[in-house]
Amino acid sequence: RILIPMPSKEAKKKMLLKHLSHHVYNLSETELEEILEATDRFSGADMKLICKEAVMGPVRKIIARKQSSSKSIQKLVKENPVTIDDFRASITSTKPSTCS
């Protein structure tokens, strides 16, 4: 077995910001801290997964109401940033892959 330690809080923050770098998001420092605290036992792969899920939150909302809008999906995505609520939902639905 090879033991790979969990990423530090600083490393997780860098991962989080890297995975969000190509997306529109609206997160304060306090909200970033909340995400980091809630992902205490999450691995690097887990962090990537919650970011992907959180980014899909606004997309799912846009698709659900697209029938009533004449704007393009790209424009709607820019107008609907990823928020702390998207991360809360993502974290709730994602279990850490680690045992301890």
C-alpha atoms as a PDB file:
ATOM      1  CA  ARG A   1       0.000   0.000   0.000  1.00  0.00           C
ATOM      2  CA  ILE A   2       1.040   3.536  -0.665  1.00  0.00           C
ATOM      3  CA  LEU A   3      -0.189   6.204   1.721  1.00  0.00           C
ATOM      4  CA  ILE A   4      -0.901   9.515   0.067  1.00  0.00           C
ATOM      5  CA  PRO A   5      -1.743  12.197   2.624  1.00  0.00           C
ATOM      6  CA  MET A   6      -4.830  14.337   2.266  1.00  0.00           C
ATOM      7  CA  PRO A   7      -4.203  17.747   0.735  1.00  0.00           C
ATOM      8  CA  SER A   8      -3.666  20.633   3.132  1.00  0.00           C
ATOM      9  CA  LYS A   9      -6.202  23.430   3.396  1.00  0.00           C
ATOM     10  CA  GLU A  10      -3.955  25.651   1.265  1.00  0.00           C
ATOM     11  CA  ALA A  11      -3.603  22.947  -1.384  1.00  0.00           C
ATOM     12  CA  LYS A  12      -7.364  22.396  -1.464  1.00  0.00           C
ATOM     13  CA  LYS A  13      -7.930  26.130  -1.898  1.00  0.00           C
ATOM     14  CA  LYS A  14      -5.525  26.182  -4.855  1.00  0.00           C
ATOM     15  CA  MET A  15      -7.306  23.151  -6.369  1.00  0.00           C
ATOM     16  CA  LEU A  16     -10.677  24.790  -5.867  1.00  0.00           C
ATOM     17  CA  LEU A  17      -9.612  28.030  -7.532  1.00  0.00           C
ATOM     18  CA  LYS A  18      -7.891  26.141 -10.368  1.00  0.00           C
ATOM     19  CA  HIS A  19     -11.004  24.089 -11.100  1.00  0.00           C
ATOM     20  CA  LEU A  20     -13.143  27.251 -11.045  1.00  0.00           C
ATOM     21  CA  SER A  21     -10.741  29.364 -13.119  1.00  0.00           C
ATOM     22  CA  HIS A  22     -12.666  28.898 -16.376  1.00  0.00           C
ATOM     23  CA  HIS A  23     -16.069  29.434 -14.803  1.00  0.00           C
ATOM     24  CA  VAL A  24     -18.018  32.385 -13.462  1.00  0.00           C
ATOM     25  CA  TYR A  25     -18.358  32.130  -9.698  1.00  0.00           C
ATOM     26  CA  ASN A  26     -19.404  34.310  -6.807  1.00  0.00           C
ATOM     27  CA  LEU A  27     -17.703  33.133  -3.601  1.00  0.00           C
ATOM     28  CA  SER A  28     -16.431  35.273  -0.759  1.00  0.00           C
ATOM     29  CA  GLU A  29     -13.372  34.354   1.320  1.00  0.00           C
ATOM     30  CA  THR A  30     -15.746  33.295   4.117  1.00  0.00           C
ATOM     31  CA  GLU A  31     -17.598  31.001   1.723  1.00  0.00           C
ATOM     32  CA  LEU A  32     -14.318  29.543   0.452  1.00  0.00           C
ATOM     33  CA  GLU A  33     -13.409  28.821   4.082  1.00  0.00           C
ATOM     34  CA  GLU A  34     -16.770  27.117   4.585  1.00  0.00           C
ATOM     35  CA  ILE A  35     -16.082  24.858   1.591  1.00  0.00           C
ATOM     36  CA  LEU A  36     -12.601  24.031   2.872  1.00  0.00           C
ATOM     37  CA  GLU A  37     -13.932  23.181   6.342  1.00  0.00           C
ATOM     38  CA  ALA A  38     -16.725  21.016   4.903  1.00  0.00           C
ATOM     39  CA  THR A  39     -14.229  19.053   2.790  1.00  0.00           C
ATOM     40  CA  ASP A  40     -11.887  18.104   5.621  1.00  0.00           C
ATOM     41  CA  ARG A  41     -11.528  14.429   4.602  1.00  0.00           C
ATOM     42  CA  PHE A  42     -11.762  14.982   0.849  1.00  0.00           C
ATOM     43  CA  SER A  43      -8.915  13.916  -1.440  1.00  0.00           C
ATOM     44  CA  GLY A  44      -7.711  15.847  -4.476  1.00  0.00           C
ATOM     45  CA  ALA A  45      -9.954  13.694  -6.693  1.00  0.00           C
ATOM     46  CA  ASP A  46     -12.898  14.385  -4.370  1.00  0.00           C
ATOM     47  CA  MET A  47     -12.237  18.138  -4.628  1.00  0.00           C
ATOM     48  CA  LYS A  48     -12.273  17.910  -8.422  1.00  0.00           C
ATOM     49  CA  LEU A  49     -15.571  16.030  -8.282  1.00  0.00           C
ATOM     50  CA  ILE A  50     -17.303  18.550  -6.006  1.00  0.00           C
ATOM     51  CA  CYS A  51     -16.099  21.397  -8.224  1.00  0.00           C
ATOM     52  CA  LYS A  52     -17.469  19.669 -11.337  1.00  0.00           C
ATOM     53  CA  GLU A  53     -20.786  19.062  -9.587  1.00  0.00           C
ATOM     54  CA  ALA A  54     -20.977  22.643  -8.274  1.00  0.00           C
ATOM     55  CA  VAL A  55     -20.293  24.051 -11.750  1.00  0.00           C
ATOM     56  CA  MET A  56     -23.162  21.953 -13.109  1.00  0.00           C
ATOM     57  CA  GLY A  57     -25.604  23.536 -10.612  1.00  0.00           C
ATOM     58  CA  PRO A  58     -26.200  26.749 -12.578  1.00  0.00           C
ATOM     59  CA  VAL A  59     -26.228  24.801 -15.857  1.00  0.00           C
ATOM     60  CA  ARG A  60     -29.004  22.524 -14.582  1.00  0.00           C
ATOM     61  CA  LYS A  61     -31.034  25.541 -13.455  1.00  0.00           C
ATOM     62  CA  ILE A  62     -30.549  27.235 -16.838  1.00  0.00           C
ATOM     63  CA  ILE A  63     -31.595  24.142 -18.780  1.00  0.00           C
ATOM     64  CA  ALA A  64     -34.685  23.758 -16.595  1.00  0.00           C
ATOM     65  CA  ARG A  65     -35.892  27.256 -17.471  1.00  0.00           C
ATOM     66  CA  LYS A  66     -34.377  27.591 -20.983  1.00  0.00           C
ATOM     67  CA  GLN A  67     -37.763  27.157 -22.639  1.00  0.00           C
ATOM     68  CA  SER A  68     -38.810  30.624 -21.488  1.00  0.00           C
ATOM     69  CA  SER A  69     -35.628  32.478 -22.469  1.00  0.00           C
ATOM     70  CA  SER A  70     -34.397  33.651 -25.843  1.00  0.00           C
ATOM     71  CA  LYS A  71     -30.801  34.114 -24.584  1.00  0.00           C
ATOM     72  CA  SER A  72     -28.066  31.664 -25.512  1.00  0.00           C
ATOM     73  CA  ILE A  73     -26.872  29.097 -22.969  1.00  0.00           C
ATOM     74  CA  GLN A  74     -23.397  30.731 -22.915  1.00  0.00           C
ATOM     75  CA  LYS A  75     -24.877  34.112 -22.003  1.00  0.00           C
ATOM     76  CA  LEU A  76     -27.084  32.572 -19.325  1.00  0.00           C
ATOM     77  CA  VAL A  77     -24.092  30.747 -17.795  1.00  0.00           C
ATOM     78  CA  LYS A  78     -22.216  34.046 -17.510  1.00  0.00           C
ATOM     79  CA  GLU A  79     -25.223  35.601 -15.802  1.00  0.00           C
ATOM     80  CA  ASN A  80     -25.619  32.694 -13.336  1.00  0.00           C
ATOM     81  CA  PRO A  81     -22.374  32.214 -11.399  1.00  0.00           C
ATOM     82  CA  VAL A  82     -21.502  29.223  -9.254  1.00  0.00           C
ATOM     83  CA  THR A  83     -22.455  30.044  -5.658  1.00  0.00           C
ATOM     84  CA  ILE A  84     -21.996  28.625  -2.182  1.00  0.00           C
ATOM     85  CA  ASP A  85     -25.407  26.943  -2.516  1.00  0.00           C
ATOM     86  CA  ASP A  86     -24.103  24.976  -5.511  1.00  0.00           C
ATOM     87  CA  PHE A  87     -21.137  23.832  -3.416  1.00  0.00           C
ATOM     88  CA  ARG A  88     -23.325  22.945  -0.439  1.00  0.00           C
ATOM     89  CA  ALA A  89     -25.465  20.730  -2.682  1.00  0.00           C
ATOM     90  CA  SER A  90     -22.372  19.195  -4.252  1.00  0.00           C
ATOM     91  CA  ILE A  91     -20.726  18.453  -0.902  1.00  0.00           C
ATOM     92  CA  THR A  92     -23.958  16.982   0.472  1.00  0.00           C
ATOM     93  CA  SER A  93     -24.255  14.584  -2.462  1.00  0.00           C
ATOM     94  CA  THR A  94     -20.553  13.630  -2.538  1.00  0.00           C
ATOM     95  CA  LYS A  95     -18.998  11.370   0.058  1.00  0.00           C
ATOM     96  CA  PRO A  96     -15.236  11.471   0.660  1.00  0.00           C
ATOM     97  CA  SER A  97     -13.389   8.539  -0.881  1.00  0.00           C
ATOM     98  CA  THR A  98     -11.203   8.158   2.218  1.00  0.00           C
ATOM     99  CA  CYS A  99     -11.942   5.960   5.185  1.00  0.00           C
ATOM    100  CA  SER A 100     -10.337   7.914   7.996  1.00  0.00           C
END
